[in-house]
Amino acid sequence: MTDKIDSLLDKYPPGQEEALKKKLDKLNKKKLNSSELESWYEVRGTIEFQAENNELAEEICLKGLELFPESTTLHFNAGSTLEKLGKIESARN
């Protein structure tokens, strides 16, 4: 079975983040399997982090961590975002 998120990443390489973001936002998250949903939060948060939409990146990463508390990538992304926002104590937890 093809992973929907990986397929989108292949179709929209670096430099096409806005198009990728639009495609991700159109996906019905309820129809994604667990791995795809975790990837959705990882990629979507990263797009916002890179665009310096830090509050939105924080919101996406923390929501992803609620669903996938063992995700090392989401922990890294959330920590990086919280650090960028100056929320050092939150980033440590």
PDB file of N, CA and C in Angstrom:
ATOM      1  N   MET A   1       0.835  -1.177   0.000  1.00  0.00           N
ATOM      2  CA  MET A   1       0.000   0.000   0.000  1.00  0.00           C
ATOM      3  C   MET A   1       0.890   1.254   0.000  1.00  0.00           C
ATOM      4  N   THR A   2       0.526   2.226  -0.783  1.00  0.00           N
ATOM      5  CA  THR A   2       1.291   3.459  -0.882  1.00  0.00           C
ATOM      6  C   THR A   2       0.931   4.398   0.266  1.00  0.00           C
ATOM      7  N   ASP A   3       1.930   4.951   0.885  1.00  0.00           N
ATOM      8  CA  ASP A   3       1.729   5.930   1.951  1.00  0.00           C
ATOM      9  C   ASP A   3       1.365   7.270   1.308  1.00  0.00           C
ATOM     10  N   LYS A   4       0.225   7.804   1.667  1.00  0.00           N
ATOM     11  CA  LYS A   4      -0.267   9.044   1.054  1.00  0.00           C
ATOM     12  C   LYS A   4       0.657  10.227   1.303  1.00  0.00           C
ATOM     13  N   ILE A   5       1.215  10.317   2.485  1.00  0.00           N
ATOM     14  CA  ILE A   5       2.076  11.454   2.815  1.00  0.00           C
ATOM     15  C   ILE A   5       3.390  11.348   2.052  1.00  0.00           C
ATOM     16  N   ASP A   6       3.989  10.162   2.006  1.00  0.00           N
ATOM     17  CA  ASP A   6       5.223   9.979   1.242  1.00  0.00           C
ATOM     18  C   ASP A   6       5.004  10.298  -0.235  1.00  0.00           C
ATOM     19  N   SER A   7       3.850   9.906  -0.758  1.00  0.00           N
ATOM     20  CA  SER A   7       3.534  10.203  -2.160  1.00  0.00           C
ATOM     21  C   SER A   7       3.479  11.710  -2.405  1.00  0.00           C
ATOM     22  N   LEU A   8       2.878  12.433  -1.465  1.00  0.00           N
ATOM     23  CA  LEU A   8       2.817  13.891  -1.601  1.00  0.00           C
ATOM     24  C   LEU A   8       4.206  14.516  -1.493  1.00  0.00           C
ATOM     25  N   LEU A   9       5.028  13.989  -0.599  1.00  0.00           N
ATOM     26  CA  LEU A   9       6.392  14.517  -0.464  1.00  0.00           C
ATOM     27  C   LEU A   9       7.187  14.299  -1.748  1.00  0.00           C
ATOM     28  N   ASP A  10       6.961  13.179  -2.412  1.00  0.00           N
ATOM     29  CA  ASP A  10       7.620  12.919  -3.687  1.00  0.00           C
ATOM     30  C   ASP A  10       7.123  13.871  -4.768  1.00  0.00           C
ATOM     31  N   LYS A  11       5.840  14.157  -4.739  1.00  0.00           N
ATOM     32  CA  LYS A  11       5.229  15.003  -5.766  1.00  0.00           C
ATOM     33  C   LYS A  11       5.570  16.478  -5.579  1.00  0.00           C
ATOM     34  N   TYR A  12       5.731  16.894  -4.313  1.00  0.00           N
ATOM     35  CA  TYR A  12       6.011  18.300  -4.005  1.00  0.00           C
ATOM     36  C   TYR A  12       7.343  18.414  -3.262  1.00  0.00           C
ATOM     37  N   PRO A  13       8.445  18.475  -4.007  1.00  0.00           N
ATOM     38  CA  PRO A  13       9.774  18.552  -3.376  1.00  0.00           C
ATOM     39  C   PRO A  13      10.010  19.930  -2.740  1.00  0.00           C
ATOM     40  N   PRO A  14      11.128  20.078  -2.038  1.00  0.00           N
ATOM     41  CA  PRO A  14      11.448  21.377  -1.439  1.00  0.00           C
ATOM     42  C   PRO A  14      11.290  22.512  -2.453  1.00  0.00           C
ATOM     43  N   GLY A  15      10.731  23.593  -1.977  1.00  0.00           N
ATOM     44  CA  GLY A  15      10.447  24.731  -2.834  1.00  0.00           C
ATOM     45  C   GLY A  15       8.977  24.810  -3.207  1.00  0.00           C
ATOM     46  N   GLN A  16       8.245  23.746  -2.939  1.00  0.00           N
ATOM     47  CA  GLN A  16       6.819  23.708  -3.256  1.00  0.00           C
ATOM     48  C   GLN A  16       5.980  23.506  -1.988  1.00  0.00           C
ATOM     49  N   GLU A  17       6.446  24.105  -0.903  1.00  0.00           N
ATOM     50  CA  GLU A  17       5.782  23.916   0.392  1.00  0.00           C
ATOM     51  C   GLU A  17       4.339  24.413   0.412  1.00  0.00           C
ATOM     52  N   GLU A  18       4.059  25.518  -0.256  1.00  0.00           N
ATOM     53  CA  GLU A  18       2.684  26.033  -0.257  1.00  0.00           C
ATOM     54  C   GLU A  18       1.732  25.062  -0.945  1.00  0.00           C
ATOM     55  N   ALA A  19       2.158  24.498  -2.061  1.00  0.00           N
ATOM     56  CA  ALA A  19       1.323  23.517  -2.766  1.00  0.00           C
ATOM     57  C   ALA A  19       1.149  22.261  -1.916  1.00  0.00           C
ATOM     58  N   LEU A  20       2.229  21.829  -1.254  1.00  0.00           N
ATOM     59  CA  LEU A  20       2.159  20.661  -0.381  1.00  0.00           C
ATOM     60  C   LEU A  20       1.211  20.927   0.780  1.00  0.00           C
ATOM     61  N   LYS A  21       1.319  22.102   1.369  1.00  0.00           N
ATOM     62  CA  LYS A  21       0.450  22.483   2.493  1.00  0.00           C
ATOM     63  C   LYS A  21      -1.024  22.420   2.080  1.00  0.00           C
ATOM     64  N   LYS A  22      -1.333  22.933   0.910  1.00  0.00           N
ATOM     65  CA  LYS A  22      -2.722  22.903   0.430  1.00  0.00           C
ATOM     66  C   LYS A  22      -3.217  21.472   0.252  1.00  0.00           C
ATOM     67  N   LYS A  23      -2.371  20.616  -0.295  1.00  0.00           N
ATOM     68  CA  LYS A  23      -2.762  19.214  -0.490  1.00  0.00           C
ATOM     69  C   LYS A  23      -2.950  18.514   0.851  1.00  0.00           C
ATOM     70  N   LEU A  24      -2.036  18.752   1.783  1.00  0.00           N
ATOM     71  CA  LEU A  24      -2.153  18.150   3.108  1.00  0.00           C
ATOM     72  C   LEU A  24      -3.443  18.589   3.798  1.00  0.00           C
ATOM     73  N   ASP A  25      -3.761  19.870   3.683  1.00  0.00           N
ATOM     74  CA  ASP A  25      -4.950  20.397   4.348  1.00  0.00           C
ATOM     75  C   ASP A  25      -6.240  19.863   3.737  1.00  0.00           C
ATOM     76  N   LYS A  26      -6.194  19.423   2.491  1.00  0.00           N
ATOM     77  CA  LYS A  26      -7.379  18.866   1.835  1.00  0.00           C
ATOM     78  C   LYS A  26      -7.608  17.395   2.182  1.00  0.00           C
ATOM     79  N   LEU A  27      -6.578  16.735   2.719  1.00  0.00           N
ATOM     80  CA  LEU A  27      -6.731  15.324   3.071  1.00  0.00           C
ATOM     81  C   LEU A  27      -7.719  15.159   4.219  1.00  0.00           C
ATOM     82  N   ASN A  28      -8.500  14.106   4.137  1.00  0.00           N
ATOM     83  CA  ASN A  28      -9.382  13.745   5.249  1.00  0.00           C
ATOM     84  C   ASN A  28      -8.539  12.941   6.241  1.00  0.00           C
ATOM     85  N   LYS A  29      -8.154  13.571   7.342  1.00  0.00           N
ATOM     86  CA  LYS A  29      -7.270  12.918   8.305  1.00  0.00           C
ATOM     87  C   LYS A  29      -7.883  11.654   8.896  1.00  0.00           C
ATOM     88  N   LYS A  30      -9.209  11.571   8.909  1.00  0.00           N
ATOM     89  CA  LYS A  30      -9.869  10.379   9.450  1.00  0.00           C
ATOM     90  C   LYS A  30      -9.637   9.153   8.567  1.00  0.00           C
ATOM     91  N   LYS A  31      -9.271   9.381   7.315  1.00  0.00           N
ATOM     92  CA  LYS A  31      -9.042   8.269   6.397  1.00  0.00           C
ATOM     93  C   LYS A  31      -7.567   7.860   6.318  1.00  0.00           C
ATOM     94  N   LEU A  32      -6.703   8.554   7.047  1.00  0.00           N
ATOM     95  CA  LEU A  32      -5.285   8.202   7.062  1.00  0.00           C
ATOM     96  C   LEU A  32      -5.045   7.112   8.101  1.00  0.00           C
ATOM     97  N   ASN A  33      -4.131   6.197   7.773  1.00  0.00           N
ATOM     98  CA  ASN A  33      -3.761   5.217   8.788  1.00  0.00           C
ATOM     99  C   ASN A  33      -2.874   5.909   9.830  1.00  0.00           C
ATOM    100  N   SER A  34      -2.562   5.225  10.889  1.00  0.00           N
ATOM    101  CA  SER A  34      -1.825   5.815  12.008  1.00  0.00           C
ATOM    102  C   SER A  34      -0.477   6.399  11.576  1.00  0.00           C
ATOM    103  N   SER A  35       0.258   5.658  10.784  1.00  0.00           N
ATOM    104  CA  SER A  35       1.566   6.117  10.318  1.00  0.00           C
ATOM    105  C   SER A  35       1.436   7.368   9.452  1.00  0.00           C
ATOM    106  N   GLU A  36       0.447   7.374   8.574  1.00  0.00           N
ATOM    107  CA  GLU A  36       0.218   8.536   7.709  1.00  0.00           C
ATOM    108  C   GLU A  36      -0.199   9.752   8.529  1.00  0.00           C
ATOM    109  N   LEU A  37      -1.023   9.535   9.537  1.00  0.00           N
ATOM    110  CA  LEU A  37      -1.478  10.647  10.367  1.00  0.00           C
ATOM    111  C   LEU A  37      -0.318  11.247  11.160  1.00  0.00           C
ATOM    112  N   GLU A  38       0.521  10.394  11.695  1.00  0.00           N
ATOM    113  CA  GLU A  38       1.710  10.891  12.400  1.00  0.00           C
ATOM    114  C   GLU A  38       2.578  11.707  11.445  1.00  0.00           C
ATOM    115  N   SER A  39       2.784  11.198  10.248  1.00  0.00           N
ATOM    116  CA  SER A  39       3.571  11.918   9.238  1.00  0.00           C
ATOM    117  C   SER A  39       2.909  13.237   8.867  1.00  0.00           C
ATOM    118  N   TRP A  40       1.576  13.238   8.799  1.00  0.00           N
ATOM    119  CA  TRP A  40       0.857  14.470   8.478  1.00  0.00           C
ATOM    120  C   TRP A  40       1.230  15.561   9.474  1.00  0.00           C
ATOM    121  N   TYR A  41       1.181  15.239  10.763  1.00  0.00           N
ATOM    122  CA  TYR A  41       1.519  16.235  11.787  1.00  0.00           C
ATOM    123  C   TYR A  41       2.989  16.640  11.713  1.00  0.00           C
ATOM    124  N   GLU A  42       3.865  15.698  11.453  1.00  0.00           N
ATOM    125  CA  GLU A  42       5.294  16.008  11.332  1.00  0.00           C
ATOM    126  C   GLU A  42       5.546  16.973  10.177  1.00  0.00           C
ATOM    127  N   VAL A  43       5.024  16.645   9.006  1.00  0.00           N
ATOM    128  CA  VAL A  43       5.274  17.454   7.812  1.00  0.00           C
ATOM    129  C   VAL A  43       4.571  18.804   7.919  1.00  0.00           C
ATOM    130  N   ARG A  44       3.337  18.794   8.351  1.00  0.00           N
ATOM    131  CA  ARG A  44       2.565  20.040   8.426  1.00  0.00           C
ATOM    132  C   ARG A  44       3.181  21.007   9.418  1.00  0.00           C
ATOM    133  N   GLY A  45       3.625  20.485  10.565  1.00  0.00           N
ATOM    134  CA  GLY A  45       4.300  21.331  11.550  1.00  0.00           C
ATOM    135  C   GLY A  45       5.612  21.882  11.025  1.00  0.00           C
ATOM    136  N   THR A  46       6.344  21.057  10.305  1.00  0.00           N
ATOM    137  CA  THR A  46       7.622  21.488   9.739  1.00  0.00           C
ATOM    138  C   THR A  46       7.425  22.615   8.728  1.00  0.00           C
ATOM    139  N   ILE A  47       6.401  22.504   7.905  1.00  0.00           N
ATOM    140  CA  ILE A  47       6.125  23.556   6.924  1.00  0.00           C
ATOM    141  C   ILE A  47       5.898  24.891   7.631  1.00  0.00           C
ATOM    142  N   GLU A  48       5.107  24.878   8.697  1.00  0.00           N
ATOM    143  CA  GLU A  48       4.827  26.119   9.425  1.00  0.00           C
ATOM    144  C   GLU A  48       6.069  26.628  10.146  1.00  0.00           C
ATOM    145  N   PHE A  49       6.862  25.725  10.692  1.00  0.00           N
ATOM    146  CA  PHE A  49       8.106  26.111  11.373  1.00  0.00           C
ATOM    147  C   PHE A  49       9.040  26.805  10.388  1.00  0.00           C
ATOM    148  N   GLN A  50       9.210  26.214   9.209  1.00  0.00           N
ATOM    149  CA  GLN A  50      10.108  26.789   8.205  1.00  0.00           C
ATOM    150  C   GLN A  50       9.603  28.132   7.686  1.00  0.00           C
ATOM    151  N   ALA A  51       8.281  28.309   7.677  1.00  0.00           N
ATOM    152  CA  ALA A  51       7.689  29.573   7.237  1.00  0.00           C
ATOM    153  C   ALA A  51       7.652  30.599   8.373  1.00  0.00           C
ATOM    154  N   GLU A  52       8.167  30.205   9.530  1.00  0.00           N
ATOM    155  CA  GLU A  52       8.202  31.026  10.733  1.00  0.00           C
ATOM    156  C   GLU A  52       6.805  31.400  11.240  1.00  0.00           C
ATOM    157  N   ASN A  53       5.853  30.525  10.977  1.00  0.00           N
ATOM    158  CA  ASN A  53       4.517  30.631  11.571  1.00  0.00           C
ATOM    159  C   ASN A  53       4.558  29.814  12.860  1.00  0.00           C
ATOM    160  N   ASN A  54       5.300  30.336  13.810  1.00  0.00           N
ATOM    161  CA  ASN A  54       5.675  29.549  14.989  1.00  0.00           C
ATOM    162  C   ASN A  54       4.508  29.150  15.881  1.00  0.00           C
ATOM    163  N   GLU A  55       3.540  30.028  16.053  1.00  0.00           N
ATOM    164  CA  GLU A  55       2.396  29.673  16.893  1.00  0.00           C
ATOM    165  C   GLU A  55       1.600  28.527  16.267  1.00  0.00           C
ATOM    166  N   LEU A  56       1.419  28.577  14.955  1.00  0.00           N
ATOM    167  CA  LEU A  56       0.705  27.504  14.271  1.00  0.00           C
ATOM    168  C   LEU A  56       1.525  26.215  14.287  1.00  0.00           C
ATOM    169  N   ALA A  57       2.831  26.333  14.111  1.00  0.00           N
ATOM    170  CA  ALA A  57       3.706  25.155  14.189  1.00  0.00           C
ATOM    171  C   ALA A  57       3.600  24.516  15.570  1.00  0.00           C
ATOM    172  N   GLU A  58       3.592  25.340  16.604  1.00  0.00           N
ATOM    173  CA  GLU A  58       3.446  24.838  17.976  1.00  0.00           C
ATOM    174  C   GLU A  58       2.123  24.092  18.138  1.00  0.00           C
ATOM    175  N   GLU A  59       1.049  24.696  17.681  1.00  0.00           N
ATOM    176  CA  GLU A  59      -0.281  24.090  17.796  1.00  0.00           C
ATOM    177  C   GLU A  59      -0.335  22.728  17.094  1.00  0.00           C
ATOM    178  N   ILE A  60       0.203  22.663  15.889  1.00  0.00           N
ATOM    179  CA  ILE A  60       0.189  21.416  15.123  1.00  0.00           C
ATOM    180  C   ILE A  60       1.036  20.348  15.807  1.00  0.00           C
ATOM    181  N   CYS A  61       2.229  20.718  16.229  1.00  0.00           N
ATOM    182  CA  CYS A  61       3.117  19.740  16.868  1.00  0.00           C
ATOM    183  C   CYS A  61       2.536  19.219  18.177  1.00  0.00           C
ATOM    184  N   LEU A  62       1.978  20.102  18.983  1.00  0.00           N
ATOM    185  CA  LEU A  62       1.431  19.669  20.264  1.00  0.00           C
ATOM    186  C   LEU A  62       0.197  18.795  20.074  1.00  0.00           C
ATOM    187  N   LYS A  63      -0.628  19.102  19.078  1.00  0.00           N
ATOM    188  CA  LYS A  63      -1.776  18.246  18.773  1.00  0.00           C
ATOM    189  C   LYS A  63      -1.280  16.870  18.319  1.00  0.00           C
ATOM    190  N   GLY A  64      -0.252  16.854  17.490  1.00  0.00           N
ATOM    191  CA  GLY A  64       0.337  15.593  17.047  1.00  0.00           C
ATOM    192  C   GLY A  64       0.870  14.782  18.214  1.00  0.00           C
ATOM    193  N   LEU A  65       1.490  15.453  19.174  1.00  0.00           N
ATOM    194  CA  LEU A  65       2.018  14.753  20.349  1.00  0.00           C
ATOM    195  C   LEU A  65       0.920  14.191  21.239  1.00  0.00           C
ATOM    196  N   GLU A  66      -0.238  14.840  21.257  1.00  0.00           N
ATOM    197  CA  GLU A  66      -1.371  14.277  22.000  1.00  0.00           C
ATOM    198  C   GLU A  66      -1.755  12.916  21.416  1.00  0.00           C
ATOM    199  N   LEU A  67      -1.702  12.833  20.108  1.00  0.00           N
ATOM    200  CA  LEU A  67      -2.086  11.598  19.421  1.00  0.00           C
ATOM    201  C   LEU A  67      -0.958  10.579  19.363  1.00  0.00           C
ATOM    202  N   PHE A  68       0.281  11.069  19.282  1.00  0.00           N
ATOM    203  CA  PHE A  68       1.451  10.202  19.114  1.00  0.00           C
ATOM    204  C   PHE A  68       2.545  10.599  20.112  1.00  0.00           C
ATOM    205  N   PRO A  69       2.310  10.328  21.403  1.00  0.00           N
ATOM    206  CA  PRO A  69       3.247  10.777  22.436  1.00  0.00           C
ATOM    207  C   PRO A  69       4.634  10.138  22.354  1.00  0.00           C
ATOM    208  N   GLU A  70       4.787   9.068  21.610  1.00  0.00           N
ATOM    209  CA  GLU A  70       6.088   8.400  21.488  1.00  0.00           C
ATOM    210  C   GLU A  70       6.874   8.858  20.263  1.00  0.00           C
ATOM    211  N   SER A  71       6.320   9.766  19.475  1.00  0.00           N
ATOM    212  CA  SER A  71       6.971  10.207  18.237  1.00  0.00           C
ATOM    213  C   SER A  71       8.191  11.071  18.531  1.00  0.00           C
ATOM    214  N   THR A  72       9.353  10.542  18.208  1.00  0.00           N
ATOM    215  CA  THR A  72      10.584  11.315  18.431  1.00  0.00           C
ATOM    216  C   THR A  72      10.643  12.529  17.511  1.00  0.00           C
ATOM    217  N   THR A  73      10.141  12.395  16.308  1.00  0.00           N
ATOM    218  CA  THR A  73      10.158  13.526  15.376  1.00  0.00           C
ATOM    219  C   THR A  73       9.261  14.648  15.875  1.00  0.00           C
ATOM    220  N   LEU A  74       8.080  14.312  16.355  1.00  0.00           N
ATOM    221  CA  LEU A  74       7.188  15.345  16.876  1.00  0.00           C
ATOM    222  C   LEU A  74       7.755  15.984  18.139  1.00  0.00           C
ATOM    223  N   HIS A  75       8.421  15.199  18.973  1.00  0.00           N
ATOM    224  CA  HIS A  75       9.075  15.781  20.154  1.00  0.00           C
ATOM    225  C   HIS A  75      10.163  16.765  19.730  1.00  0.00           C
ATOM    226  N   PHE A  76      10.959  16.382  18.753  1.00  0.00           N
ATOM    227  CA  PHE A  76      12.013  17.269  18.253  1.00  0.00           C
ATOM    228  C   PHE A  76      11.403  18.540  17.672  1.00  0.00           C
ATOM    229  N   ASN A  77      10.389  18.365  16.805  1.00  0.00           N
ATOM    230  CA  ASN A  77       9.759  19.523  16.166  1.00  0.00           C
ATOM    231  C   ASN A  77       9.124  20.455  17.191  1.00  0.00           C
ATOM    232  N   ALA A  78       8.420  19.876  18.161  1.00  0.00           N
ATOM    233  CA  ALA A  78       7.790  20.695  19.197  1.00  0.00           C
ATOM    234  C   ALA A  78       8.845  21.422  20.019  1.00  0.00           C
ATOM    235  N   GLY A  79       9.905  20.721  20.388  1.00  0.00           N
ATOM    236  CA  GLY A  79      10.979  21.350  21.160  1.00  0.00           C
ATOM    237  C   GLY A  79      11.636  22.491  20.404  1.00  0.00           C
ATOM    238  N   SER A  80      11.904  22.289  19.130  1.00  0.00           N
ATOM    239  CA  SER A  80      12.505  23.339  18.302  1.00  0.00           C
ATOM    240  C   SER A  80      11.590  24.551  18.205  1.00  0.00           C
ATOM    241  N   THR A  81      10.305  24.290  18.033  1.00  0.00           N
ATOM    242  CA  THR A  81       9.330  25.375  17.919  1.00  0.00           C
ATOM    243  C   THR A  81       9.205  26.129  19.232  1.00  0.00           C
ATOM    244  N   LEU A  82       9.099  25.410  20.336  1.00  0.00           N
ATOM    245  CA  LEU A  82       8.977  26.057  21.647  1.00  0.00           C
ATOM    246  C   LEU A  82      10.227  26.872  21.957  1.00  0.00           C
ATOM    247  N   GLU A  83      11.385  26.350  21.609  1.00  0.00           N
ATOM    248  CA  GLU A  83      12.629  27.092  21.822  1.00  0.00           C
ATOM    249  C   GLU A  83      12.616  28.386  21.000  1.00  0.00           C
ATOM    250  N   LYS A  84      12.184  28.294  19.765  1.00  0.00           N
ATOM    251  CA  LYS A  84      12.118  29.466  18.890  1.00  0.00           C
ATOM    252  C   LYS A  84      11.156  30.514  19.442  1.00  0.00           C
ATOM    253  N   LEU A  85      10.100  30.061  20.119  1.00  0.00           N
ATOM    254  CA  LEU A  85       9.121  30.965  20.715  1.00  0.00           C
ATOM    255  C   LEU A  85       9.570  31.485  22.082  1.00  0.00           C
ATOM    256  N   GLY A  86      10.724  31.033  22.548  1.00  0.00           N
ATOM    257  CA  GLY A  86      11.228  31.467  23.845  1.00  0.00           C
ATOM    258  C   GLY A  86      10.598  30.757  25.016  1.00  0.00           C
ATOM    259  N   LYS A  87       9.954  29.642  24.736  1.00  0.00           N
ATOM    260  CA  LYS A  87       9.302  28.855  25.796  1.00  0.00           C
ATOM    261  C   LYS A  87      10.229  27.712  26.210  1.00  0.00           C
ATOM    262  N   ILE A  88      11.383  28.089  26.717  1.00  0.00           N
ATOM    263  CA  ILE A  88      12.448  27.128  27.025  1.00  0.00           C
ATOM    264  C   ILE A  88      11.997  26.089  28.040  1.00  0.00           C
ATOM    265  N   GLU A  89      11.305  26.496  29.097  1.00  0.00           N
ATOM    266  CA  GLU A  89      10.860  25.550  30.112  1.00  0.00           C
ATOM    267  C   GLU A  89       9.880  24.536  29.527  1.00  0.00           C
ATOM    268  N   SER A  90       8.990  24.991  28.674  1.00  0.00           N
ATOM    269  CA  SER A  90       8.047  24.075  28.018  1.00  0.00           C
ATOM    270  C   SER A  90       8.783  23.109  27.103  1.00  0.00           C
ATOM    271  N   ALA A  91       9.816  23.601  26.440  1.00  0.00           N
ATOM    272  CA  ALA A  91      10.582  22.761  25.520  1.00  0.00           C
ATOM    273  C   ALA A  91      11.309  21.646  26.266  1.00  0.00           C
ATOM    274  N   ARG A  92      11.693  21.895  27.499  1.00  0.00           N
ATOM    275  CA  ARG A  92      12.417  20.892  28.282  1.00  0.00           C
ATOM    276  C   ARG A  92      11.507  19.770  28.751  1.00  0.00           C
ATOM    277  N   ASN A  93      10.223  20.017  28.837  1.00  0.00           N
ATOM    278  CA  ASN A  93       9.278  19.027  29.360  1.00  0.00           C
ATOM    279  C   ASN A  93       8.775  18.142  28.312  1.00  0.00           C
TER     280      ASN A  93
END
